[in-house]
C-alpha atoms as a PDB file:
ATOM      1  CA  UNK A   1       4.677 -15.070 -21.549  1.00  0.00           C
ATOM      2  CA  UNK A   2       3.640 -18.141 -20.366  1.00  0.00           C
ATOM      3  CA  UNK A   3       4.095 -20.163 -16.864  1.00  0.00           C
ATOM      4  CA  UNK A   4       4.812 -23.704 -17.095  1.00  0.00           C
ATOM      5  CA  UNK A   5       4.755 -26.172 -14.577  1.00  0.00           C
ATOM      6  CA  UNK A   6       6.316 -29.509 -13.784  1.00  0.00           C
ATOM      7  CA  UNK A   7       6.322 -31.429 -10.701  1.00  0.00           C
ATOM      8  CA  UNK A   8       9.733 -31.166  -8.906  1.00  0.00           C
ATOM      9  CA  UNK A   9      11.190 -28.395 -11.127  1.00  0.00           C
ATOM     10  CA  UNK A  10      11.043 -24.607 -10.786  1.00  0.00           C
ATOM     11  CA  UNK A  11       8.382 -22.908 -13.101  1.00  0.00           C
ATOM     12  CA  UNK A  12       9.557 -21.970 -16.524  1.00  0.00           C
ATOM     13  CA  UNK A  13       8.422 -18.607 -18.187  1.00  0.00           C
ATOM     14  CA  UNK A  14       8.899 -17.833 -21.879  1.00  0.00           C
ATOM     15  CA  UNK A  15       7.186 -16.896 -24.524  1.00  0.00           C
ATOM     16  CA  UNK A  16       9.096 -18.799 -27.429  1.00  0.00           C
ATOM     17  CA  UNK A  17       6.380 -21.125 -29.150  1.00  0.00           C
ATOM     18  CA  UNK A  18       9.195 -23.878 -29.811  1.00  0.00           C
ATOM     19  CA  UNK A  19      10.191 -23.877 -25.941  1.00  0.00           C
ATOM     20  CA  UNK A  20       6.605 -24.116 -25.252  1.00  0.00           C
ATOM     21  CA  UNK A  21       5.903 -27.044 -27.233  1.00  0.00           C
ATOM     22  CA  UNK A  22       8.875 -28.698 -26.363  1.00  0.00           C
ATOM     23  CA  UNK A  23       7.952 -28.617 -22.496  1.00  0.00           C
ATOM     24  CA  UNK A  24       4.573 -29.467 -23.405  1.00  0.00           C
ATOM     25  CA  UNK A  25       5.695 -32.525 -24.798  1.00  0.00           C
ATOM     26  CA  UNK A  26       7.841 -33.714 -21.928  1.00  0.00           C
ATOM     27  CA  UNK A  27       4.917 -33.226 -19.750  1.00  0.00           C
ATOM     28  CA  UNK A  28       4.911 -29.464 -18.450  1.00  0.00           C
ATOM     29  CA  UNK A  29       1.692 -28.281 -18.186  1.00  0.00           C
ATOM     30  CA  UNK A  30       0.569 -24.586 -18.539  1.00  0.00           C
ATOM     31  CA  UNK A  31      -0.293 -22.844 -15.555  1.00  0.00           C
ATOM     32  CA  UNK A  32      -3.466 -20.697 -15.952  1.00  0.00           C
ATOM     33  CA  UNK A  33      -4.051 -17.135 -15.493  1.00  0.00           C
ATOM     34  CA  UNK A  34      -5.060 -16.068 -11.521  1.00  0.00           C
ATOM     35  CA  UNK A  35      -8.442 -15.849 -11.349  1.00  0.00           C
ATOM     36  CA  UNK A  36     -10.283 -12.213 -11.123  1.00  0.00           C
ATOM     37  CA  UNK A  37      -9.312 -10.910  -7.464  1.00  0.00           C
ATOM     38  CA  UNK A  38      -9.034  -7.496  -5.899  1.00  0.00           C
ATOM     39  CA  UNK A  39      -5.308  -6.997  -4.915  1.00  0.00           C
ATOM     40  CA  UNK A  40      -6.344  -4.369  -2.423  1.00  0.00           C
ATOM     41  CA  UNK A  41      -8.109  -6.815  -0.493  1.00  0.00           C
ATOM     42  CA  UNK A  42      -6.824  -9.848  -1.628  1.00  0.00           C
ATOM     43  CA  UNK A  43      -3.400 -12.447  -3.064  1.00  0.00           C
ATOM     44  CA  UNK A  44      -3.566 -14.989  -5.082  1.00  0.00           C
ATOM     45  CA  UNK A  45      -1.133 -17.340  -5.011  1.00  0.00           C
ATOM     46  CA  UNK A  46      -0.161 -20.855  -6.967  1.00  0.00           C
ATOM     47  CA  UNK A  47       0.115 -23.806  -4.741  1.00  0.00           C
ATOM     48  CA  UNK A  48       1.895 -25.818  -7.510  1.00  0.00           C
ATOM     49  CA  UNK A  49      -1.767 -27.173  -8.231  1.00  0.00           C
ATOM     50  CA  UNK A  50      -4.111 -24.470  -8.757  1.00  0.00           C
ATOM     51  CA  UNK A  51      -4.552 -20.848  -7.552  1.00  0.00           C
ATOM     52  CA  UNK A  52      -5.364 -19.584  -4.219  1.00  0.00           C
ATOM     53  CA  UNK A  53      -6.987 -16.675  -3.302  1.00  0.00           C
ATOM     54  CA  UNK A  54      -7.292 -15.109   0.353  1.00  0.00           C
ATOM     55  CA  UNK A  55      -8.351 -11.895   2.142  1.00  0.00           C
ATOM     56  CA  UNK A  56      -5.431  -9.640   3.247  1.00  0.00           C
ATOM     57  CA  UNK A  57      -5.642  -9.605   6.913  1.00  0.00           C
ATOM     58  CA  UNK A  58      -7.211  -6.489   8.051  1.00  0.00           C
ATOM     59  CA  UNK A  59      -4.017  -5.530  10.494  1.00  0.00           C
ATOM     60  CA  UNK A  60      -1.799  -5.865   7.493  1.00  0.00           C
ATOM     61  CA  UNK A  61      -4.291  -3.909   5.233  1.00  0.00           C
ATOM     62  CA  UNK A  62      -3.941  -1.424   8.540  1.00  0.00           C
ATOM     63  CA  UNK A  63      -0.330  -1.555   8.666  1.00  0.00           C
ATOM     64  CA  UNK A  64       0.141  -0.537   4.682  1.00  0.00           C
ATOM     65  CA  UNK A  65      -2.638   2.253   5.030  1.00  0.00           C
ATOM     66  CA  UNK A  66      -0.991   3.122   8.025  1.00  0.00           C
ATOM     67  CA  UNK A  67       2.636   3.387   6.406  1.00  0.00           C
ATOM     68  CA  UNK A  68       1.399   4.995   3.174  1.00  0.00           C
ATOM     69  CA  UNK A  69      -0.369   8.135   5.129  1.00  0.00           C
ATOM     70  CA  UNK A  70       2.988   8.075   7.473  1.00  0.00           C
ATOM     71  CA  UNK A  71       4.911   8.455   4.366  1.00  0.00           C
ATOM     72  CA  UNK A  72       2.769  11.060   2.901  1.00  0.00           C
ATOM     73  CA  UNK A  73       3.047  12.778   6.309  1.00  0.00           C
ATOM     74  CA  UNK A  74       6.629  12.898   5.927  1.00  0.00           C
ATOM     75  CA  UNK A  75       7.227  14.147   2.797  1.00  0.00           C
ATOM     76  CA  UNK A  76       5.151  17.533   3.575  1.00  0.00           C
ATOM     77  CA  UNK A  77       6.999  17.724   6.508  1.00  0.00           C
ATOM     78  CA  UNK A  78      10.252  17.969   4.663  1.00  0.00           C
ATOM     79  CA  UNK A  79       9.200  20.046   1.590  1.00  0.00           C
ATOM     80  CA  UNK A  80       9.210  23.175   3.832  1.00  0.00           C
ATOM     81  CA  UNK A  81      11.591  23.648   6.523  1.00  0.00           C
ATOM     82  CA  UNK A  82      14.781  21.959   5.416  1.00  0.00           C
ATOM     83  CA  UNK A  83      15.548  20.948   8.957  1.00  0.00           C
ATOM     84  CA  UNK A  84      12.618  18.804   9.463  1.00  0.00           C
ATOM     85  CA  UNK A  85      13.236  15.322   8.473  1.00  0.00           C
ATOM     86  CA  UNK A  86       9.884  14.022   9.131  1.00  0.00           C
ATOM     87  CA  UNK A  87       6.521  14.585  11.649  1.00  0.00           C
ATOM     88  CA  UNK A  88       8.740  13.970  14.425  1.00  0.00           C
ATOM     89  CA  UNK A  89      11.460  16.268  13.812  1.00  0.00           C
ATOM     90  CA  UNK A  90       8.898  18.956  13.016  1.00  0.00           C
ATOM     91  CA  UNK A  91       6.987  18.641  16.401  1.00  0.00           C
ATOM     92  CA  UNK A  92      10.681  19.376  18.032  1.00  0.00           C
ATOM     93  CA  UNK A  93       9.909  22.923  16.546  1.00  0.00           C
ATOM     94  CA  UNK A  94       7.043  23.518  18.544  1.00  0.00           C
ATOM     95  CA  UNK A  95       8.231  26.586  20.987  1.00  0.00           C
ATOM     96  CA  UNK A  96      11.398  27.173  19.167  1.00  0.00           C
ATOM     97  CA  UNK A  97      12.724  30.737  19.444  1.00  0.00           C
ATOM     98  CA  UNK A  98      12.302  31.028  15.685  1.00  0.00           C
ATOM     99  CA  UNK A  99       8.441  31.790  15.270  1.00  0.00           C
ATOM    100  CA  UNK A 100       8.909  30.768  11.241  1.00  0.00           C
ATOM    101  CA  UNK A 101       9.795  27.367  12.782  1.00  0.00           C
ATOM    102  CA  UNK A 102       7.409  27.493  15.395  1.00  0.00           C
ATOM    103  CA  UNK A 103       4.626  28.106  13.239  1.00  0.00           C
ATOM    104  CA  UNK A 104       4.970  25.687  10.903  1.00  0.00           C
ATOM    105  CA  UNK A 105       5.665  22.947  13.590  1.00  0.00           C
ATOM    106  CA  UNK A 106       2.516  23.786  15.186  1.00  0.00           C
ATOM    107  CA  UNK A 107       0.473  23.645  11.780  1.00  0.00           C
ATOM    108  CA  UNK A 108       2.078  20.362  10.602  1.00  0.00           C
ATOM    109  CA  UNK A 109       1.197  19.128  14.124  1.00  0.00           C
ATOM    110  CA  UNK A 110      -2.162  19.828  13.802  1.00  0.00           C
ATOM    111  CA  UNK A 111      -2.730  18.793  10.065  1.00  0.00           C
ATOM    112  CA  UNK A 112      -0.954  15.484  11.052  1.00  0.00           C
ATOM    113  CA  UNK A 113      -3.396  15.036  13.849  1.00  0.00           C
ATOM    114  CA  UNK A 114      -6.448  15.904  11.696  1.00  0.00           C
ATOM    115  CA  UNK A 115      -5.346  12.895   9.048  1.00  0.00           C
ATOM    116  CA  UNK A 116      -4.951  10.565  11.985  1.00  0.00           C
ATOM    117  CA  UNK A 117      -8.439  11.416  13.236  1.00  0.00           C
ATOM    118  CA  UNK A 118      -9.611  11.552   9.857  1.00  0.00           C
ATOM    119  CA  UNK A 119      -8.579   8.281   9.041  1.00  0.00           C
ATOM    120  CA  UNK A 120      -9.890   6.662  12.267  1.00  0.00           C
ATOM    121  CA  UNK A 121     -13.154   7.784  11.231  1.00  0.00           C
ATOM    122  CA  UNK A 122     -13.084   6.482   7.727  1.00  0.00           C
ATOM    123  CA  UNK A 123     -11.666   2.956   9.118  1.00  0.00           C
ATOM    124  CA  UNK A 124     -14.818   3.112  11.776  1.00  0.00           C
ATOM    125  CA  UNK A 125     -17.289   3.538   8.716  1.00  0.00           C
ATOM    126  CA  UNK A 126     -15.664   0.368   6.430  1.00  0.00           C
ATOM    127  CA  UNK A 127     -15.664  -1.584   9.441  1.00  0.00           C
ATOM    128  CA  UNK A 128     -19.138  -1.027  10.389  1.00  0.00           C
ATOM    129  CA  UNK A 129     -20.239  -1.355   7.036  1.00  0.00           C
ATOM    130  CA  UNK A 130     -21.431   2.359   6.075  1.00  0.00           C
ATOM    131  CA  UNK A 131     -18.997   2.385   3.323  1.00  0.00           C
ATOM    132  CA  UNK A 132     -16.838   0.292   1.061  1.00  0.00           C
ATOM    133  CA  UNK A 133     -13.163   0.119   1.355  1.00  0.00           C
ATOM    134  CA  UNK A 134     -11.081   2.711  -0.742  1.00  0.00           C
ATOM    135  CA  UNK A 135      -8.424   2.592  -2.847  1.00  0.00           C
ATOM    136  CA  UNK A 136      -5.482   3.771  -1.310  1.00  0.00           C
ATOM    137  CA  UNK A 137      -5.376   7.182  -4.067  1.00  0.00           C
ATOM    138  CA  UNK A 138      -8.998   7.619  -2.922  1.00  0.00           C
ATOM    139  CA  UNK A 139      -8.310   7.374   1.001  1.00  0.00           C
ATOM    140  CA  UNK A 140      -5.320   9.465   0.437  1.00  0.00           C
ATOM    141  CA  UNK A 141      -7.633  12.341  -1.413  1.00  0.00           C
ATOM    142  CA  UNK A 142     -10.171  12.238   1.255  1.00  0.00           C
ATOM    143  CA  UNK A 143      -7.540  13.003   3.884  1.00  0.00           C
ATOM    144  CA  UNK A 144      -7.449  16.984   5.156  1.00  0.00           C
ATOM    145  CA  UNK A 145      -5.103  18.788   2.893  1.00  0.00           C
ATOM    146  CA  UNK A 146      -1.477  19.989   4.024  1.00  0.00           C
ATOM    147  CA  UNK A 147      -0.996  23.446   5.763  1.00  0.00           C
ATOM    148  CA  UNK A 148       0.255  26.150   2.962  1.00  0.00           C
END
């Protein structure tokens, strides 16, 4: 697909060679492909004239990673006991009279804590320059495994 731009008009996206040729005769320009960039750490946007590549603020990256890790933890919690909707409801079963629910809740609570502790250690190492920023799949693979 080719994106064409003309001042004051919304961009046109097409792969029809005749339309592209017609628009170019009328002054439309073909938008170049974005430059190479790491989408994990940067964004690219077209400003109407050129591509702008900007670093994603660290706070935004931390929020994205935190949300992904929380979703992973919650998914593990819901896969065992049907009454656990997420880690927060699972923790509510600590000291439950049902020993099975209590044991599962304690295991999930302790595992969740170890996940966040490991994430803090990885973040510290990255921020200190002791290691490169892992991709999200690499990061999730590094975290402690859930309880059986």
